[in-house]
Amino acid sequence: MSYLDYKVAQVPTGIRKILHINWPLVFLLTAVASFGFLMLYSVAGGRIEVWAQPQMIRFGIGMVLMLALAFVPIWFWRTIAIPFYLICILLLVAVDLFGDVGMGAQRWLDLGFFRLQPSELMKISLVLMLAAYYDWLPLDRVSRPLWVLVPVVLALIPTGLVLQQPDLGTAIMLVAGCGIVMLAAGVSLWYFGAVIGGVAGLVYAVFASRGTDWQLLRDYQFRRIDTFLNPGSDPLGAGYNITQAQIALGSGGWSGRGFMQGTQSRLNFLPEKHTDFIFTTLAEEFGFVGAFSLLMLYALILGFCLFSALTNRDRFASLLTIGIAGTFFLFFAVNIGMVLGLLPVVGAPLPMVSYGGTQMMILLMAFGMVQSAHVHRPH
């Protein structure tokens, strides 16, 4: 034991845990959220009470929760993995039975004081469940077909329930999040190759079936694909959102139009400017420099999480951290790909930046688990 380790060991346990918290991660999350506060203030026309102030309050509560969860022993998360997963399944069933409907989708449970979106909770619950599963499973069984099938079923059950809402974006994220944990656990790459090949074959079959007797999609679904591939074909209809987003992104240039000077958002051309398309407001007002700065913060968050996971000798804690980091990556990658026109518009908010209570609180609680894994890792 080094002299420094010896001195740290003499510090009382509670204080020692505070010292072991990943404070750079706390700072980075705060910096990302601050981008959100600025943008929400801007799109509200300089009124803090509309969106920015409620978001600040949620962030403050979420940070307290995150730091509190950092003190929870890592074995606790392993213990509750199964009941937590089952509760989330029941919540998804409850949504299908009597959930609130908004914008054509049934995704929320009205708890009176709070609207809960169980599908957001399921993203973290699934990661927790899979991390516990692979921690229990011997390494020599990880790639055996029967044991590979178990996590696939665990992912497909909530995916099917989410597709009923309907919420294609979240369904894709659940499947992708499962794949990230399976890859980190050491499942053979041949399985992933088979899945990729199957998806590629399905896509080819869909396009090849167009105009035939065995057409796999309806005509209106093909029109949606055409609009995604070429938004300019229907600039005032289905392609309107992406067209306006691309105008905002392009008009920002290198350094942007300036804070609160974005014409697309100020004149209400941008759709959902405080939620799904808030990245375009950032790019218009702060340009490439602002957008790149936010992406660098996201990359640093991922980097600190992955470093913590790779240096953690506890298999469950390592897989949990990688799974949460991967889910976080999917959040912002899907949103940015969507507003850039690289992915279909699926209604995915930008993490820690877009306005919304459920996602921010759940993400901060998930990072509380990451902190717990970091604080209680074997030394």
Protein backbone atom coordinates (compact mmCIF):
# COMPACT_ATOMS: atom_id res chain seq x y z
CA MET A 1 0.00 0.00 0.00
CA SER A 2 1.35 3.42 -0.99
CA TYR A 3 1.60 6.25 1.51
CA LEU A 4 -1.30 8.05 -0.22
CA ASP A 5 -3.51 4.95 -0.07
CA TYR A 6 -2.59 4.55 3.60
CA LYS A 7 -3.59 8.14 4.40
CA VAL A 8 -6.88 7.79 2.51
CA ALA A 9 -7.60 4.59 4.44
CA GLN A 10 -7.39 6.55 7.70
CA VAL A 11 -10.20 8.89 6.60
CA PRO A 12 -13.69 8.05 7.97
CA THR A 13 -15.75 5.87 5.60
CA GLY A 14 -18.37 8.51 4.72
CA ILE A 15 -15.76 11.13 3.82
CA ARG A 16 -13.73 8.53 1.94
CA LYS A 17 -16.75 7.71 -0.23
CA ILE A 18 -17.19 11.40 -1.02
CA LEU A 19 -13.55 11.56 -2.11
CA HIS A 20 -14.05 8.51 -4.36
CA ILE A 21 -17.01 10.02 -6.22
CA ASN A 22 -16.22 10.64 -9.88
CA TRP A 23 -16.30 14.43 -9.58
CA PRO A 24 -15.23 15.12 -13.19
CA LEU A 25 -18.37 13.25 -14.28
CA VAL A 26 -20.47 15.47 -12.00
CA PHE A 27 -18.92 18.56 -13.57
CA LEU A 28 -19.47 17.31 -17.13
CA LEU A 29 -23.13 16.50 -16.49
CA THR A 30 -23.60 19.97 -15.01
CA ALA A 31 -21.94 21.55 -18.05
CA VAL A 32 -24.23 19.65 -20.46
CA ALA A 33 -27.32 20.60 -18.45
CA SER A 34 -26.19 24.24 -18.52
CA PHE A 35 -26.31 24.14 -22.32
CA GLY A 36 -29.91 23.04 -21.92
CA PHE A 37 -30.77 25.86 -19.52
CA LEU A 38 -29.39 28.45 -21.95
CA MET A 39 -31.26 27.00 -24.92
CA LEU A 40 -34.55 26.68 -23.02
CA TYR A 41 -34.22 30.30 -21.91
CA SER A 42 -33.56 31.30 -25.51
CA VAL A 43 -36.43 29.40 -27.17
CA ALA A 44 -38.83 30.80 -24.55
CA GLY A 45 -37.96 34.31 -25.72
CA GLY A 46 -35.93 35.25 -22.64
CA ARG A 47 -38.45 33.95 -20.09
CA ILE A 48 -36.81 31.71 -17.51
CA GLU A 49 -40.02 30.56 -15.84
CA VAL A 50 -41.43 28.81 -18.94
CA TRP A 51 -38.96 25.95 -19.45
CA ALA A 52 -35.52 26.80 -18.01
CA GLN A 53 -36.53 27.24 -14.37
CA PRO A 54 -38.49 23.95 -14.07
CA GLN A 55 -35.59 22.20 -15.77
CA MET A 56 -33.12 23.70 -13.29
CA ILE A 57 -35.24 22.51 -10.37
CA ARG A 58 -35.41 19.00 -11.79
CA PHE A 59 -31.68 18.97 -12.40
CA GLY A 60 -30.99 20.07 -8.82
CA ILE A 61 -33.20 17.32 -7.43
CA GLY A 62 -31.68 14.80 -9.82
CA MET A 63 -28.12 15.71 -8.80
CA VAL A 64 -28.98 15.25 -5.12
CA LEU A 65 -30.43 11.83 -5.99
CA MET A 66 -27.37 10.92 -8.04
CA LEU A 67 -24.97 11.77 -5.22
CA ALA A 68 -27.18 9.95 -2.70
CA LEU A 69 -27.26 6.83 -4.87
CA ALA A 70 -23.46 6.93 -5.08
CA PHE A 71 -23.37 5.84 -1.43
CA VAL A 72 -25.58 2.78 -2.07
CA PRO A 73 -23.48 -0.42 -2.10
CA ILE A 74 -23.12 -1.98 -5.53
CA TRP A 75 -24.51 -5.32 -4.30
CA PHE A 76 -27.87 -3.61 -3.74
CA TRP A 77 -28.32 -2.94 -7.46
CA ARG A 78 -27.48 -6.55 -8.23
CA THR A 79 -30.07 -7.71 -5.69
CA ILE A 80 -32.96 -5.58 -7.05
CA ALA A 81 -32.26 -6.27 -10.74
CA ILE A 82 -35.00 -8.91 -11.16
CA PRO A 83 -37.79 -7.20 -9.16
CA PHE A 84 -36.96 -3.85 -10.79
CA TYR A 85 -37.23 -5.42 -14.25
CA LEU A 86 -40.56 -7.08 -13.40
CA ILE A 87 -41.98 -3.83 -12.00
CA CYS A 88 -41.04 -2.01 -15.21
CA ILE A 89 -42.77 -4.73 -17.25
CA LEU A 90 -45.92 -4.25 -15.17
CA LEU A 91 -45.71 -0.48 -15.67
CA LEU A 92 -45.49 -0.96 -19.44
CA VAL A 93 -48.55 -3.21 -19.31
CA ALA A 94 -50.32 -0.53 -17.26
CA VAL A 95 -49.50 2.04 -19.94
CA ASP A 96 -51.08 -0.17 -22.60
CA LEU A 97 -54.20 -0.58 -20.45
CA PHE A 98 -54.86 2.92 -19.14
CA GLY A 99 -51.97 5.21 -19.98
CA ASP A 100 -52.31 8.86 -20.98
CA VAL A 101 -52.43 9.65 -24.69
CA GLY A 102 -50.44 12.54 -26.13
CA MET A 103 -49.58 13.43 -29.73
CA GLY A 104 -51.04 10.17 -30.99
CA ALA A 105 -49.06 7.95 -28.62
CA GLN A 106 -49.93 6.25 -25.33
CA ARG A 107 -46.69 6.39 -23.35
CA TRP A 108 -47.34 7.97 -19.95
CA LEU A 109 -48.84 7.14 -16.56
CA ASP A 110 -50.42 10.07 -14.76
CA LEU A 111 -49.38 9.83 -11.10
CA GLY A 112 -51.08 13.11 -10.19
CA PHE A 113 -47.97 15.07 -9.26
CA PHE A 114 -45.85 13.59 -12.04
CA ARG A 115 -46.25 12.00 -15.48
CA LEU A 116 -44.10 8.89 -15.64
CA GLN A 117 -42.91 7.39 -18.92
CA PRO A 118 -42.12 3.76 -17.99
CA SER A 119 -40.32 3.08 -21.28
CA GLU A 120 -37.55 5.46 -20.16
CA LEU A 121 -37.26 3.55 -16.89
CA MET A 122 -37.17 0.28 -18.82
CA LYS A 123 -34.00 1.31 -20.68
CA ILE A 124 -32.08 1.38 -17.40
CA SER A 125 -33.90 -1.59 -15.89
CA LEU A 126 -32.97 -3.78 -18.86
CA VAL A 127 -29.29 -2.84 -18.56
CA LEU A 128 -29.39 -3.62 -14.83
CA MET A 129 -31.05 -6.99 -15.47
CA LEU A 130 -28.59 -8.01 -18.18
CA ALA A 131 -25.59 -6.95 -16.08
CA ALA A 132 -26.85 -9.13 -13.22
CA TYR A 133 -27.51 -12.01 -15.63
CA TYR A 134 -24.01 -11.98 -17.11
CA ASP A 135 -22.47 -11.54 -13.66
CA TRP A 136 -24.25 -14.77 -12.63
CA LEU A 137 -23.52 -16.67 -15.86
CA PRO A 138 -20.17 -18.52 -16.04
CA LEU A 139 -17.88 -17.17 -18.77
CA ASP A 140 -17.75 -20.48 -20.62
CA ARG A 141 -21.54 -20.31 -21.24
CA VAL A 142 -21.77 -16.73 -22.49
CA SER A 143 -21.79 -17.64 -26.21
CA ARG A 144 -23.77 -20.88 -26.03
CA PRO A 145 -27.03 -20.57 -28.02
CA LEU A 146 -29.39 -21.34 -25.12
CA TRP A 147 -27.78 -18.76 -22.86
CA VAL A 148 -27.67 -16.19 -25.67
CA LEU A 149 -31.41 -16.64 -26.15
CA VAL A 150 -32.20 -15.59 -22.54
CA PRO A 151 -31.11 -11.91 -22.85
CA VAL A 152 -32.75 -11.73 -26.28
CA VAL A 153 -36.08 -12.74 -24.73
CA LEU A 154 -35.54 -10.33 -21.83
CA ALA A 155 -35.16 -7.52 -24.38
CA LEU A 156 -37.95 -8.57 -26.74
CA ILE A 157 -40.67 -8.63 -24.05
CA PRO A 158 -40.43 -4.89 -23.22
CA THR A 159 -39.68 -4.08 -26.86
CA GLY A 160 -42.98 -5.63 -27.91
CA LEU A 161 -44.86 -3.69 -25.23
CA VAL A 162 -43.20 -0.41 -26.27
CA LEU A 163 -44.06 -0.99 -29.93
CA GLN A 164 -47.73 -1.11 -28.88
CA GLN A 165 -47.58 2.51 -27.64
CA PRO A 166 -46.27 3.04 -30.44
CA ASP A 167 -42.69 4.16 -29.82
CA LEU A 168 -40.31 2.84 -32.47
CA GLY A 169 -37.38 4.96 -31.25
CA THR A 170 -37.45 3.54 -27.72
CA ALA A 171 -37.96 0.01 -29.05
CA ILE A 172 -34.82 0.33 -31.18
CA MET A 173 -32.88 1.71 -28.20
CA LEU A 174 -33.94 -1.24 -26.00
CA VAL A 175 -32.68 -3.73 -28.57
CA ALA A 176 -29.47 -1.74 -29.16
CA GLY A 177 -28.87 -1.38 -25.40
CA CYS A 178 -29.22 -5.14 -25.03
CA GLY A 179 -26.69 -5.62 -27.82
CA ILE A 180 -24.18 -3.31 -26.10
CA VAL A 181 -24.29 -5.27 -22.83
CA MET A 182 -24.08 -8.60 -24.67
CA LEU A 183 -21.07 -7.36 -26.64
CA ALA A 184 -19.36 -6.13 -23.45
CA ALA A 185 -20.10 -9.47 -21.76
CA GLY A 186 -18.16 -11.31 -24.47
CA VAL A 187 -20.90 -12.85 -26.63
CA SER A 188 -19.40 -14.13 -29.89
CA LEU A 189 -19.28 -11.63 -32.75
CA TRP A 190 -20.78 -14.27 -35.03
CA TYR A 191 -24.18 -13.63 -33.45
CA PHE A 192 -23.92 -9.92 -34.16
CA GLY A 193 -22.82 -10.62 -37.71
CA ALA A 194 -25.84 -12.87 -38.21
CA VAL A 195 -28.20 -10.17 -36.89
CA ILE A 196 -26.64 -7.48 -39.09
CA GLY A 197 -26.87 -9.77 -42.10
CA GLY A 198 -30.50 -10.56 -41.30
CA VAL A 199 -31.41 -6.88 -40.99
CA ALA A 200 -29.64 -6.07 -44.25
CA GLY A 201 -31.52 -8.88 -45.97
CA LEU A 202 -34.83 -7.67 -44.57
CA VAL A 203 -34.19 -4.11 -45.78
CA TYR A 204 -33.34 -5.43 -49.24
CA ALA A 205 -36.50 -7.55 -49.28
CA VAL A 206 -38.63 -4.55 -48.29
CA PHE A 207 -37.36 -2.43 -51.17
CA ALA A 208 -37.42 -5.33 -53.62
CA SER A 209 -41.07 -6.03 -52.78
CA ARG A 210 -42.24 -2.55 -53.78
CA GLY A 211 -44.83 -2.70 -56.55
CA THR A 212 -45.04 -6.50 -56.46
CA ASP A 213 -47.83 -8.84 -55.37
CA TRP A 214 -45.90 -9.64 -52.18
CA GLN A 215 -45.23 -6.01 -51.15
CA LEU A 216 -44.14 -6.02 -47.49
CA LEU A 217 -45.12 -2.42 -46.63
CA ARG A 218 -48.14 -0.32 -47.44
CA ASP A 219 -47.86 2.48 -50.01
CA TYR A 220 -48.04 5.22 -47.38
CA GLN A 221 -45.15 3.60 -45.48
CA PHE A 222 -43.05 3.63 -48.63
CA ARG A 223 -43.93 7.31 -49.07
CA ARG A 224 -42.59 7.96 -45.58
CA ILE A 225 -39.34 6.24 -46.54
CA ASP A 226 -39.14 8.38 -49.69
CA THR A 227 -39.64 11.53 -47.61
CA PHE A 228 -36.90 10.45 -45.17
CA LEU A 229 -34.46 9.81 -48.02
CA ASN A 230 -35.43 13.05 -49.76
CA PRO A 231 -37.17 15.56 -47.43
CA GLY A 232 -37.28 18.10 -50.26
CA SER A 233 -39.83 15.96 -52.08
CA ASP A 234 -42.49 17.15 -49.60
CA PRO A 235 -41.06 20.31 -47.95
CA LEU A 236 -44.42 21.54 -46.63
CA GLY A 237 -45.70 18.17 -45.50
CA ALA A 238 -43.89 15.13 -44.12
CA GLY A 239 -40.47 16.63 -44.88
CA TYR A 240 -41.19 19.97 -43.17
CA ASN A 241 -39.53 19.21 -39.82
CA ILE A 242 -36.25 17.98 -41.28
CA THR A 243 -36.17 20.75 -43.89
CA GLN A 244 -36.52 23.46 -41.23
CA ALA A 245 -33.98 21.75 -38.99
CA GLN A 246 -31.42 21.62 -41.80
CA ILE A 247 -32.01 25.30 -42.59
CA ALA A 248 -31.31 26.15 -38.94
CA LEU A 249 -28.19 23.96 -38.84
CA GLY A 250 -26.80 25.50 -42.02
CA SER A 251 -27.55 29.10 -41.08
CA GLY A 252 -25.50 28.84 -37.89
CA GLY A 253 -22.23 28.68 -39.78
CA TRP A 254 -18.97 28.57 -37.83
CA SER A 255 -19.81 30.68 -34.77
CA GLY A 256 -23.60 31.06 -34.99
CA ARG A 257 -26.00 33.97 -35.19
CA GLY A 258 -25.60 34.77 -31.51
CA PHE A 259 -27.46 33.97 -28.31
CA MET A 260 -31.23 34.44 -28.75
CA GLN A 261 -30.69 35.55 -32.37
CA GLY A 262 -31.77 32.36 -34.12
CA THR A 263 -34.46 33.18 -36.65
CA GLN A 264 -35.75 29.63 -37.12
CA SER A 265 -36.56 29.19 -33.46
CA ARG A 266 -37.57 32.79 -32.71
CA LEU A 267 -40.05 32.81 -35.61
CA ASN A 268 -41.36 29.33 -34.69
CA PHE A 269 -40.27 27.60 -37.88
CA LEU A 270 -38.58 24.86 -35.87
CA PRO A 271 -40.89 22.09 -34.61
CA GLU A 272 -40.60 20.94 -30.98
CA LYS A 273 -37.84 23.51 -30.50
CA HIS A 274 -37.62 22.91 -26.74
CA THR A 275 -37.53 19.10 -26.94
CA ASP A 276 -36.60 16.92 -29.92
CA PHE A 277 -35.11 19.70 -32.10
CA ILE A 278 -33.29 21.75 -29.47
CA PHE A 279 -29.90 20.78 -30.97
CA THR A 280 -30.76 22.75 -34.10
CA THR A 281 -31.41 25.85 -31.98
CA LEU A 282 -27.99 25.40 -30.36
CA ALA A 283 -26.31 25.01 -33.77
CA GLU A 284 -28.09 28.05 -35.19
CA GLU A 285 -27.21 30.36 -32.28
CA PHE A 286 -23.70 29.07 -31.47
CA GLY A 287 -22.73 27.51 -34.80
CA PHE A 288 -20.29 24.67 -35.31
CA VAL A 289 -18.27 25.75 -32.27
CA GLY A 290 -21.22 25.41 -29.91
CA ALA A 291 -22.47 22.14 -31.39
CA PHE A 292 -18.98 20.62 -31.35
CA SER A 293 -18.46 21.74 -27.74
CA LEU A 294 -21.60 19.90 -26.66
CA LEU A 295 -20.53 16.78 -28.54
CA MET A 296 -17.12 16.93 -26.84
CA LEU A 297 -18.82 17.07 -23.43
CA TYR A 298 -20.85 14.01 -24.36
CA ALA A 299 -17.68 12.24 -25.52
CA LEU A 300 -15.90 13.07 -22.26
CA ILE A 301 -18.81 11.68 -20.23
CA LEU A 302 -18.57 8.45 -22.19
CA GLY A 303 -14.79 8.42 -21.73
CA PHE A 304 -14.95 8.77 -17.94
CA CYS A 305 -17.63 6.06 -17.74
CA LEU A 306 -15.66 3.63 -19.90
CA PHE A 307 -12.43 4.27 -17.98
CA SER A 308 -14.26 3.58 -14.72
CA ALA A 309 -15.74 0.37 -16.17
CA LEU A 310 -12.45 -0.93 -17.59
CA THR A 311 -10.61 -0.34 -14.30
CA ASN A 312 -13.33 -1.97 -12.19
CA ARG A 313 -12.63 -5.58 -11.21
CA ASP A 314 -16.28 -6.22 -10.29
CA ARG A 315 -17.89 -7.79 -13.39
CA PHE A 316 -21.42 -6.65 -12.54
CA ALA A 317 -20.33 -3.07 -11.84
CA SER A 318 -18.29 -2.95 -15.03
CA LEU A 319 -21.13 -4.25 -17.22
CA LEU A 320 -23.63 -1.92 -15.53
CA THR A 321 -21.42 1.10 -16.19
CA ILE A 322 -20.82 0.14 -19.83
CA GLY A 323 -24.54 -0.50 -20.35
CA ILE A 324 -25.56 2.87 -18.94
CA ALA A 325 -22.84 4.65 -20.91
CA GLY A 326 -24.00 2.86 -24.06
CA THR A 327 -27.62 3.81 -23.42
CA PHE A 328 -26.56 7.42 -22.90
CA PHE A 329 -24.69 7.29 -26.22
CA LEU A 330 -27.80 5.97 -27.97
CA PHE A 331 -29.83 8.85 -26.54
CA PHE A 332 -27.77 11.64 -28.06
CA ALA A 333 -26.67 9.73 -31.18
CA VAL A 334 -30.28 9.03 -32.22
CA ASN A 335 -31.39 12.61 -31.52
CA ILE A 336 -28.53 14.22 -33.43
CA GLY A 337 -28.80 11.72 -36.28
CA MET A 338 -32.52 12.51 -36.45
CA VAL A 339 -32.16 16.30 -36.67
CA LEU A 340 -29.35 15.94 -39.23
CA GLY A 341 -31.63 13.86 -41.42
CA LEU A 342 -29.45 10.75 -41.05
CA LEU A 343 -32.15 8.85 -39.14
CA PRO A 344 -35.95 8.91 -39.29
CA VAL A 345 -37.73 11.31 -36.92
CA VAL A 346 -38.67 9.05 -34.01
CA GLY A 347 -39.22 11.51 -31.17
CA ALA A 348 -35.99 11.14 -29.18
CA PRO A 349 -35.06 14.06 -26.87
CA LEU A 350 -31.46 15.25 -26.45
CA PRO A 351 -30.24 13.95 -23.05
CA MET A 352 -29.76 16.55 -20.29
CA VAL A 353 -30.56 19.35 -22.77
CA SER A 354 -34.14 18.85 -24.03
CA TYR A 355 -37.00 19.90 -21.79
CA GLY A 356 -38.54 17.00 -19.90
CA GLY A 357 -38.67 15.56 -16.42
CA THR A 358 -38.75 11.78 -16.79
CA GLN A 359 -35.65 11.36 -18.94
CA MET A 360 -33.48 13.78 -16.94
CA MET A 361 -34.39 12.27 -13.58
CA ILE A 362 -33.93 8.71 -14.77
CA LEU A 363 -30.62 9.52 -16.46
CA LEU A 364 -29.26 11.14 -13.30
CA MET A 365 -30.41 8.17 -11.24
CA ALA A 366 -28.65 5.91 -13.75
CA PHE A 367 -25.46 7.94 -13.35
CA GLY A 368 -25.97 7.52 -9.61
CA MET A 369 -25.59 3.78 -10.23
CA VAL A 370 -22.43 4.51 -12.23
CA GLN A 371 -21.13 6.52 -9.28
CA SER A 372 -22.06 3.66 -6.93
CA ALA A 373 -20.04 1.26 -9.09
CA HIS A 374 -17.13 3.72 -9.08
CA VAL A 375 -17.19 4.46 -5.35
CA HIS A 376 -17.52 0.81 -4.24
CA ARG A 377 -15.15 -0.81 -6.73
CA PRO A 378 -12.57 -3.21 -5.26
CA HIS A 379 -9.27 -1.53 -4.44
